[in-house]
């Protein structure tokens, strides 16, 4: 069985973070391991509090997992501090994991800020170059490039800028656009678009976590990046389309669609 490690925060309501990652891994038939960066008190309406893990404890979690059970892929989500970024970089270099999918989680679906500016800068500097692919959405890419992004050409330019600067592949997600949910991949000089239909469903809590983890699962299963992305998008579409309706805010997806 293939193994995927998620390094991310915990969502107490189960829709995003570690919980969404594990559900996605189970749906893909891989074995999931976790290293928790933070505990959050949150639900579909927002995040009310965050308790960060000690950086040393995060390192011990990662070491406990990888020293015993080798992973074919790693998904990285919420990293609240510069110290945690440094820990993750150190362990990635130690274990030389080829398939690293980094979702630069800066703001939750509810609008809650999950990462400080200095942390995002450090993450870009030392973790992006260690990743096979990063998966920013449009608002996150705007922060990373300090530019407004609107329209197809701007998305291509932003993805190319990030990919060239940090020597990694970039999947810029278009779900925050108006008309569609098309994503663009910049893969070491090559631009590829992946079409996605916009689903009339406000329950999108955990979509970013789910997509990035699904990509990691497919990479672990032996698919190339160009094949892993459409497979992951198709899974995400199914998870949203079932129209699971839980909670008073932006509800979770149905990861049990398989």
C-alpha atoms as a PDB file:
ATOM      1  CA  UNK A   1       0.000   0.000   0.000  1.00  0.00           C
ATOM      2  CA  UNK A   2       1.225   3.487  -0.866  1.00  0.00           C
ATOM      3  CA  UNK A   3       1.683   5.976   1.972  1.00  0.00           C
ATOM      4  CA  UNK A   4       0.987   9.727   2.157  1.00  0.00           C
ATOM      5  CA  UNK A   5       1.956  11.993   5.058  1.00  0.00           C
ATOM      6  CA  UNK A   6      -0.037  15.163   5.709  1.00  0.00           C
ATOM      7  CA  UNK A   7       1.677  17.990   7.594  1.00  0.00           C
ATOM      8  CA  UNK A   8      -1.179  20.338   8.422  1.00  0.00           C
ATOM      9  CA  UNK A   9      -3.534  21.758  11.027  1.00  0.00           C
ATOM     10  CA  UNK A  10      -6.504  20.034  12.629  1.00  0.00           C
ATOM     11  CA  UNK A  11     -10.060  21.191  11.888  1.00  0.00           C
ATOM     12  CA  UNK A  12     -12.301  20.345  14.838  1.00  0.00           C
ATOM     13  CA  UNK A  13     -15.397  20.274  12.602  1.00  0.00           C
ATOM     14  CA  UNK A  14     -13.793  17.752  10.236  1.00  0.00           C
ATOM     15  CA  UNK A  15     -14.189  19.619   6.958  1.00  0.00           C
ATOM     16  CA  UNK A  16     -10.663  20.814   6.266  1.00  0.00           C
ATOM     17  CA  UNK A  17      -7.084  20.275   7.375  1.00  0.00           C
ATOM     18  CA  UNK A  18      -5.897  16.929   8.696  1.00  0.00           C
ATOM     19  CA  UNK A  19      -9.408  15.503   8.841  1.00  0.00           C
ATOM     20  CA  UNK A  20     -10.188  16.302   5.201  1.00  0.00           C
ATOM     21  CA  UNK A  21      -6.769  14.983   4.222  1.00  0.00           C
ATOM     22  CA  UNK A  22      -7.296  11.620   5.916  1.00  0.00           C
ATOM     23  CA  UNK A  23     -10.758  11.211   4.384  1.00  0.00           C
ATOM     24  CA  UNK A  24      -9.305  11.985   0.956  1.00  0.00           C
ATOM     25  CA  UNK A  25      -6.504   9.481   1.472  1.00  0.00           C
ATOM     26  CA  UNK A  26      -8.973   6.766   2.452  1.00  0.00           C
ATOM     27  CA  UNK A  27     -11.069   7.520  -0.634  1.00  0.00           C
ATOM     28  CA  UNK A  28      -7.950   7.027  -2.787  1.00  0.00           C
ATOM     29  CA  UNK A  29      -6.925   3.773  -1.141  1.00  0.00           C
ATOM     30  CA  UNK A  30      -3.640   5.002   0.327  1.00  0.00           C
ATOM     31  CA  UNK A  31      -2.402   4.789   3.905  1.00  0.00           C
ATOM     32  CA  UNK A  32      -2.493   8.167   5.642  1.00  0.00           C
ATOM     33  CA  UNK A  33      -0.138   9.524   8.303  1.00  0.00           C
ATOM     34  CA  UNK A  34      -0.262  12.933   9.973  1.00  0.00           C
ATOM     35  CA  UNK A  35       1.962  15.499  11.633  1.00  0.00           C
ATOM     36  CA  UNK A  36      -0.226  18.158  13.223  1.00  0.00           C
ATOM     37  CA  UNK A  37       0.980  21.756  13.128  1.00  0.00           C
ATOM     38  CA  UNK A  38      -1.903  23.325  15.044  1.00  0.00           C
ATOM     39  CA  UNK A  39      -5.194  22.610  16.737  1.00  0.00           C
ATOM     40  CA  UNK A  40      -8.016  24.862  15.621  1.00  0.00           C
ATOM     41  CA  UNK A  41     -11.393  25.459  17.157  1.00  0.00           C
ATOM     42  CA  UNK A  42     -13.500  25.978  14.060  1.00  0.00           C
ATOM     43  CA  UNK A  43     -16.676  25.075  12.242  1.00  0.00           C
ATOM     44  CA  UNK A  44     -18.403  26.054   9.003  1.00  0.00           C
ATOM     45  CA  UNK A  45     -18.773  29.679  10.141  1.00  0.00           C
ATOM     46  CA  UNK A  46     -15.178  30.396  11.087  1.00  0.00           C
ATOM     47  CA  UNK A  47     -12.097  29.818  13.223  1.00  0.00           C
ATOM     48  CA  UNK A  48     -12.445  30.892  16.860  1.00  0.00           C
ATOM     49  CA  UNK A  49      -9.036  29.902  18.229  1.00  0.00           C
ATOM     50  CA  UNK A  50      -5.716  28.319  17.241  1.00  0.00           C
ATOM     51  CA  UNK A  51      -3.195  26.488  19.425  1.00  0.00           C
ATOM     52  CA  UNK A  52       0.107  25.968  17.633  1.00  0.00           C
ATOM     53  CA  UNK A  53       2.204  22.855  18.137  1.00  0.00           C
ATOM     54  CA  UNK A  54       5.734  23.345  19.431  1.00  0.00           C
ATOM     55  CA  UNK A  55       8.189  23.205  16.512  1.00  0.00           C
ATOM     56  CA  UNK A  56      10.192  20.481  18.254  1.00  0.00           C
ATOM     57  CA  UNK A  57       7.053  18.392  18.682  1.00  0.00           C
ATOM     58  CA  UNK A  58       6.207  18.846  14.999  1.00  0.00           C
ATOM     59  CA  UNK A  59       9.677  17.609  14.114  1.00  0.00           C
ATOM     60  CA  UNK A  60       9.249  14.611  16.415  1.00  0.00           C
ATOM     61  CA  UNK A  61       5.937  13.739  14.754  1.00  0.00           C
ATOM     62  CA  UNK A  62       7.459  13.842  11.274  1.00  0.00           C
ATOM     63  CA  UNK A  63      10.468  11.828  12.413  1.00  0.00           C
ATOM     64  CA  UNK A  64       8.279   9.234  14.120  1.00  0.00           C
ATOM     65  CA  UNK A  65       6.331   8.721  10.894  1.00  0.00           C
ATOM     66  CA  UNK A  66       9.076   8.733   8.273  1.00  0.00           C
ATOM     67  CA  UNK A  67      11.707   6.849  10.268  1.00  0.00           C
ATOM     68  CA  UNK A  68       9.303   3.931  10.584  1.00  0.00           C
ATOM     69  CA  UNK A  69       6.981   4.042   7.557  1.00  0.00           C
ATOM     70  CA  UNK A  70       8.389   5.517   4.317  1.00  0.00           C
ATOM     71  CA  UNK A  71       6.011   7.847   2.457  1.00  0.00           C
ATOM     72  CA  UNK A  72       5.641   8.077  -1.303  1.00  0.00           C
ATOM     73  CA  UNK A  73       4.210  11.604  -1.052  1.00  0.00           C
ATOM     74  CA  UNK A  74       3.815  14.448   1.421  1.00  0.00           C
ATOM     75  CA  UNK A  75       1.095  17.070   1.482  1.00  0.00           C
ATOM     76  CA  UNK A  76       1.881  20.296   3.350  1.00  0.00           C
ATOM     77  CA  UNK A  77      -0.901  22.562   4.538  1.00  0.00           C
ATOM     78  CA  UNK A  78      -1.162  25.028   7.412  1.00  0.00           C
ATOM     79  CA  UNK A  79       2.215  26.166   8.800  1.00  0.00           C
ATOM     80  CA  UNK A  80       1.609  28.908  11.379  1.00  0.00           C
ATOM     81  CA  UNK A  81       5.213  29.940  12.148  1.00  0.00           C
ATOM     82  CA  UNK A  82       8.628  30.481  10.610  1.00  0.00           C
ATOM     83  CA  UNK A  83      10.069  27.904  13.002  1.00  0.00           C
ATOM     84  CA  UNK A  84       7.700  25.258  11.675  1.00  0.00           C
ATOM     85  CA  UNK A  85       8.639  26.102   8.102  1.00  0.00           C
ATOM     86  CA  UNK A  86      12.291  25.536   9.019  1.00  0.00           C
ATOM     87  CA  UNK A  87      11.455  22.207  10.681  1.00  0.00           C
ATOM     88  CA  UNK A  88       9.566  20.942   7.630  1.00  0.00           C
ATOM     89  CA  UNK A  89      12.342  22.005   5.267  1.00  0.00           C
ATOM     90  CA  UNK A  90      14.910  20.202   7.390  1.00  0.00           C
ATOM     91  CA  UNK A  91      12.911  16.951   7.370  1.00  0.00           C
ATOM     92  CA  UNK A  92      12.207  17.139   3.631  1.00  0.00           C
ATOM     93  CA  UNK A  93      15.921  17.454   2.964  1.00  0.00           C
ATOM     94  CA  UNK A  94      16.681  14.611   5.369  1.00  0.00           C
ATOM     95  CA  UNK A  95      14.232  12.157   3.843  1.00  0.00           C
ATOM     96  CA  UNK A  96      14.420  13.312   0.213  1.00  0.00           C
ATOM     97  CA  UNK A  97      10.709  12.846  -0.541  1.00  0.00           C
ATOM     98  CA  UNK A  98      10.190  13.392  -4.264  1.00  0.00           C
ATOM     99  CA  UNK A  99       6.444  14.023  -4.306  1.00  0.00           C
ATOM    100  CA  UNK A 100       5.790  17.079  -2.150  1.00  0.00           C
ATOM    101  CA  UNK A 101       2.529  18.962  -2.697  1.00  0.00           C
ATOM    102  CA  UNK A 102       2.404  22.285  -0.875  1.00  0.00           C
ATOM    103  CA  UNK A 103      -0.868  24.134  -0.381  1.00  0.00           C
ATOM    104  CA  UNK A 104       0.093  27.628   0.857  1.00  0.00           C
ATOM    105  CA  UNK A 105      -2.800  27.971   3.288  1.00  0.00           C
ATOM    106  CA  UNK A 106      -2.992  31.656   4.218  1.00  0.00           C
ATOM    107  CA  UNK A 107      -6.706  32.282   4.750  1.00  0.00           C
ATOM    108  CA  UNK A 108      -9.496  29.828   5.600  1.00  0.00           C
ATOM    109  CA  UNK A 109     -12.647  29.597   3.467  1.00  0.00           C
ATOM    110  CA  UNK A 110     -14.410  31.548   6.227  1.00  0.00           C
ATOM    111  CA  UNK A 111     -11.906  34.402   5.892  1.00  0.00           C
ATOM    112  CA  UNK A 112      -9.853  33.678   9.020  1.00  0.00           C
ATOM    113  CA  UNK A 113      -6.124  34.463   8.661  1.00  0.00           C
ATOM    114  CA  UNK A 114      -4.010  31.345   9.220  1.00  0.00           C
ATOM    115  CA  UNK A 115      -0.486  32.516   8.357  1.00  0.00           C
ATOM    116  CA  UNK A 116       1.577  35.568   9.228  1.00  0.00           C
ATOM    117  CA  UNK A 117       3.328  37.544   6.482  1.00  0.00           C
ATOM    118  CA  UNK A 118       6.836  36.638   7.609  1.00  0.00           C
ATOM    119  CA  UNK A 119       5.877  32.968   7.611  1.00  0.00           C
ATOM    120  CA  UNK A 120       4.585  33.064   4.045  1.00  0.00           C
ATOM    121  CA  UNK A 121       7.801  34.739   2.932  1.00  0.00           C
ATOM    122  CA  UNK A 122       9.955  32.101   4.612  1.00  0.00           C
ATOM    123  CA  UNK A 123       7.755  29.323   3.223  1.00  0.00           C
ATOM    124  CA  UNK A 124       8.193  30.624  -0.317  1.00  0.00           C
ATOM    125  CA  UNK A 125      11.924  31.009   0.131  1.00  0.00           C
ATOM    126  CA  UNK A 126      12.802  27.539   1.417  1.00  0.00           C
ATOM    127  CA  UNK A 127       9.806  25.217   0.898  1.00  0.00           C
ATOM    128  CA  UNK A 128       8.644  26.107  -2.614  1.00  0.00           C
ATOM    129  CA  UNK A 129      11.963  24.958  -4.144  1.00  0.00           C
ATOM    130  CA  UNK A 130      11.620  21.616  -2.297  1.00  0.00           C
ATOM    131  CA  UNK A 131       8.129  20.992  -3.656  1.00  0.00           C
ATOM    132  CA  UNK A 132       7.054  19.171  -6.784  1.00  0.00           C
ATOM    133  CA  UNK A 133       4.041  21.471  -7.032  1.00  0.00           C
ATOM    134  CA  UNK A 134       2.465  24.306  -5.073  1.00  0.00           C
ATOM    135  CA  UNK A 135      -1.286  24.928  -5.275  1.00  0.00           C
ATOM    136  CA  UNK A 136      -2.139  28.565  -4.483  1.00  0.00           C
ATOM    137  CA  UNK A 137      -5.567  29.994  -5.192  1.00  0.00           C
ATOM    138  CA  UNK A 138      -5.883  33.440  -6.763  1.00  0.00           C
ATOM    139  CA  UNK A 139      -5.880  35.447  -3.476  1.00  0.00           C
ATOM    140  CA  UNK A 140      -2.821  33.528  -2.259  1.00  0.00           C
ATOM    141  CA  UNK A 141      -1.023  34.036  -5.570  1.00  0.00           C
ATOM    142  CA  UNK A 142      -1.804  37.747  -5.366  1.00  0.00           C
ATOM    143  CA  UNK A 143      -0.068  37.869  -1.980  1.00  0.00           C
ATOM    144  CA  UNK A 144       2.903  35.884  -3.254  1.00  0.00           C
ATOM    145  CA  UNK A 145       3.354  38.008  -6.400  1.00  0.00           C
ATOM    146  CA  UNK A 146       2.126  41.348  -4.982  1.00  0.00           C
ATOM    147  CA  UNK A 147      -0.026  41.695  -8.113  1.00  0.00           C
ATOM    148  CA  UNK A 148      -3.739  41.659  -8.884  1.00  0.00           C
ATOM    149  CA  UNK A 149      -4.758  38.590 -10.885  1.00  0.00           C
ATOM    150  CA  UNK A 150      -7.822  38.705 -13.089  1.00  0.00           C
ATOM    151  CA  UNK A 151      -8.333  36.716 -16.244  1.00  0.00           C
ATOM    152  CA  UNK A 152      -6.583  33.903 -18.059  1.00  0.00           C
ATOM    153  CA  UNK A 153      -3.461  35.800 -19.127  1.00  0.00           C
ATOM    154  CA  UNK A 154      -2.846  37.137 -15.633  1.00  0.00           C
ATOM    155  CA  UNK A 155      -3.172  33.651 -14.167  1.00  0.00           C
ATOM    156  CA  UNK A 156      -0.635  32.279 -16.645  1.00  0.00           C
ATOM    157  CA  UNK A 157       1.782  35.113 -15.904  1.00  0.00           C
ATOM    158  CA  UNK A 158       1.472  34.682 -12.133  1.00  0.00           C
ATOM    159  CA  UNK A 159       1.979  30.913 -12.305  1.00  0.00           C
ATOM    160  CA  UNK A 160       5.005  31.359 -14.559  1.00  0.00           C
ATOM    161  CA  UNK A 161       6.467  34.036 -12.286  1.00  0.00           C
ATOM    162  CA  UNK A 162       6.210  31.857  -9.186  1.00  0.00           C
ATOM    163  CA  UNK A 163       7.390  28.707 -10.932  1.00  0.00           C
ATOM    164  CA  UNK A 164      10.399  30.420 -12.475  1.00  0.00           C
ATOM    165  CA  UNK A 165      11.364  32.238  -9.281  1.00  0.00           C
ATOM    166  CA  UNK A 166      11.164  29.173  -7.039  1.00  0.00           C
ATOM    167  CA  UNK A 167      11.976  26.408  -9.528  1.00  0.00           C
ATOM    168  CA  UNK A 168       8.831  24.400  -8.885  1.00  0.00           C
ATOM    169  CA  UNK A 169       5.613  23.555 -10.683  1.00  0.00           C
ATOM    170  CA  UNK A 170       2.662  25.813  -9.884  1.00  0.00           C
ATOM    171  CA  UNK A 171      -1.013  24.918 -10.095  1.00  0.00           C
ATOM    172  CA  UNK A 172      -2.842  28.238  -9.841  1.00  0.00           C
ATOM    173  CA  UNK A 173      -6.433  27.482  -8.914  1.00  0.00           C
ATOM    174  CA  UNK A 174      -9.158  29.498 -10.593  1.00  0.00           C
ATOM    175  CA  UNK A 175     -12.004  28.647  -8.239  1.00  0.00           C
ATOM    176  CA  UNK A 176     -12.125  32.257  -7.044  1.00  0.00           C
ATOM    177  CA  UNK A 177     -12.927  33.395 -10.574  1.00  0.00           C
ATOM    178  CA  UNK A 178     -16.414  34.317 -11.688  1.00  0.00           C
ATOM    179  CA  UNK A 179     -17.339  32.104 -14.629  1.00  0.00           C
ATOM    180  CA  UNK A 180     -15.516  28.812 -14.186  1.00  0.00           C
ATOM    181  CA  UNK A 181     -13.182  26.743 -12.011  1.00  0.00           C
ATOM    182  CA  UNK A 182     -10.337  26.364 -14.502  1.00  0.00           C
ATOM    183  CA  UNK A 183      -6.824  25.896 -13.128  1.00  0.00           C
ATOM    184  CA  UNK A 184      -3.514  26.582 -14.854  1.00  0.00           C
ATOM    185  CA  UNK A 185      -0.337  24.560 -14.388  1.00  0.00           C
ATOM    186  CA  UNK A 186       3.103  26.016 -15.005  1.00  0.00           C
ATOM    187  CA  UNK A 187       5.404  23.014 -15.163  1.00  0.00           C
ATOM    188  CA  UNK A 188       8.991  24.095 -15.791  1.00  0.00           C
ATOM    189  CA  UNK A 189       8.224  26.277 -18.782  1.00  0.00           C
ATOM    190  CA  UNK A 190       5.076  24.580 -20.033  1.00  0.00           C
ATOM    191  CA  UNK A 191       1.555  25.949 -19.533  1.00  0.00           C
ATOM    192  CA  UNK A 192      -1.391  23.537 -19.274  1.00  0.00           C
ATOM    193  CA  UNK A 193      -5.004  24.406 -18.512  1.00  0.00           C
ATOM    194  CA  UNK A 194      -7.350  22.063 -16.650  1.00  0.00           C
ATOM    195  CA  UNK A 195     -11.010  22.843 -17.127  1.00  0.00           C
ATOM    196  CA  UNK A 196     -13.460  22.631 -14.262  1.00  0.00           C
ATOM    197  CA  UNK A 197     -17.150  23.393 -14.120  1.00  0.00           C
ATOM    198  CA  UNK A 198     -18.431  25.801 -11.505  1.00  0.00           C
ATOM    199  CA  UNK A 199     -20.904  24.000  -9.262  1.00  0.00           C
ATOM    200  CA  UNK A 200     -23.755  25.948  -7.719  1.00  0.00           C
ATOM    201  CA  UNK A 201     -23.005  24.876  -4.165  1.00  0.00           C
ATOM    202  CA  UNK A 202     -21.888  27.279  -1.404  1.00  0.00           C
ATOM    203  CA  UNK A 203     -20.544  24.401   0.699  1.00  0.00           C
ATOM    204  CA  UNK A 204     -16.862  24.514  -0.199  1.00  0.00           C
ATOM    205  CA  UNK A 205     -15.165  24.215   3.203  1.00  0.00           C
ATOM    206  CA  UNK A 206     -11.915  22.321   2.708  1.00  0.00           C
ATOM    207  CA  UNK A 207     -11.720  22.375  -1.089  1.00  0.00           C
ATOM    208  CA  UNK A 208      -8.079  23.467  -1.154  1.00  0.00           C
ATOM    209  CA  UNK A 209      -7.025  20.805   1.356  1.00  0.00           C
ATOM    210  CA  UNK A 210      -8.943  18.149  -0.536  1.00  0.00           C
ATOM    211  CA  UNK A 211      -7.508  18.995  -3.953  1.00  0.00           C
ATOM    212  CA  UNK A 212      -3.889  19.179  -2.817  1.00  0.00           C
ATOM    213  CA  UNK A 213      -4.188  15.917  -0.894  1.00  0.00           C
ATOM    214  CA  UNK A 214      -5.859  14.192  -3.848  1.00  0.00           C
ATOM    215  CA  UNK A 215      -2.948  15.283  -6.037  1.00  0.00           C
ATOM    216  CA  UNK A 216      -0.498  13.880  -3.473  1.00  0.00           C
ATOM    217  CA  UNK A 217      -2.434  10.599  -3.371  1.00  0.00           C
ATOM    218  CA  UNK A 218      -2.314  10.219  -7.136  1.00  0.00           C
ATOM    219  CA  UNK A 219       1.398  10.998  -7.216  1.00  0.00           C
ATOM    220  CA  UNK A 220       1.940   8.358  -4.535  1.00  0.00           C
ATOM    221  CA  UNK A 221      -0.026   5.901  -6.660  1.00  0.00           C
ATOM    222  CA  UNK A 222       2.426   6.409  -9.512  1.00  0.00           C
ATOM    223  CA  UNK A 223       0.636   8.924 -11.746  1.00  0.00           C
ATOM    224  CA  UNK A 224       2.554  11.788 -13.321  1.00  0.00           C
ATOM    225  CA  UNK A 225       1.701  15.323 -12.224  1.00  0.00           C
ATOM    226  CA  UNK A 226      -0.136  16.088 -15.486  1.00  0.00           C
ATOM    227  CA  UNK A 227      -2.363  13.067 -14.843  1.00  0.00           C
ATOM    228  CA  UNK A 228      -2.675  13.494 -11.072  1.00  0.00           C
ATOM    229  CA  UNK A 229      -4.220  16.952 -11.370  1.00  0.00           C
ATOM    230  CA  UNK A 230      -7.259  16.071 -13.544  1.00  0.00           C
ATOM    231  CA  UNK A 231      -7.859  12.949 -11.456  1.00  0.00           C
ATOM    232  CA  UNK A 232      -7.804  15.086  -8.296  1.00  0.00           C
ATOM    233  CA  UNK A 233     -10.101  17.700  -9.842  1.00  0.00           C
ATOM    234  CA  UNK A 234     -12.569  15.019 -10.861  1.00  0.00           C
ATOM    235  CA  UNK A 235     -12.636  13.685  -7.284  1.00  0.00           C
ATOM    236  CA  UNK A 236     -13.159  17.204  -5.928  1.00  0.00           C
ATOM    237  CA  UNK A 237     -16.013  17.817  -8.370  1.00  0.00           C
ATOM    238  CA  UNK A 238     -17.750  14.660  -7.223  1.00  0.00           C
ATOM    239  CA  UNK A 239     -17.247  15.585  -3.568  1.00  0.00           C
ATOM    240  CA  UNK A 240     -18.845  18.997  -4.101  1.00  0.00           C
ATOM    241  CA  UNK A 241     -21.597  17.770  -6.430  1.00  0.00           C
ATOM    242  CA  UNK A 242     -23.205  15.483  -3.846  1.00  0.00           C
ATOM    243  CA  UNK A 243     -24.442  18.696  -2.209  1.00  0.00           C
ATOM    244  CA  UNK A 244     -23.747  17.689   1.381  1.00  0.00           C
ATOM    245  CA  UNK A 245     -25.334  20.397   3.511  1.00  0.00           C
ATOM    246  CA  UNK A 246     -24.010  20.529   7.070  1.00  0.00           C
ATOM    247  CA  UNK A 247     -23.614  23.513   9.356  1.00  0.00           C
ATOM    248  CA  UNK A 248     -24.705  27.135   9.287  1.00  0.00           C
ATOM    249  CA  UNK A 249     -21.907  28.462   7.070  1.00  0.00           C
ATOM    250  CA  UNK A 250     -19.786  27.152   4.206  1.00  0.00           C
ATOM    251  CA  UNK A 251     -20.278  23.441   4.768  1.00  0.00           C
ATOM    252  CA  UNK A 252     -17.882  20.543   4.144  1.00  0.00           C
ATOM    253  CA  UNK A 253     -17.558  18.280   1.142  1.00  0.00           C
ATOM    254  CA  UNK A 254     -18.618  14.650   0.882  1.00  0.00           C
ATOM    255  CA  UNK A 255     -15.270  12.850   0.792  1.00  0.00           C
ATOM    256  CA  UNK A 256     -16.991   9.472   0.878  1.00  0.00           C
ATOM    257  CA  UNK A 257     -17.903   9.634  -2.811  1.00  0.00           C
ATOM    258  CA  UNK A 258     -14.808   7.516  -3.481  1.00  0.00           C
END
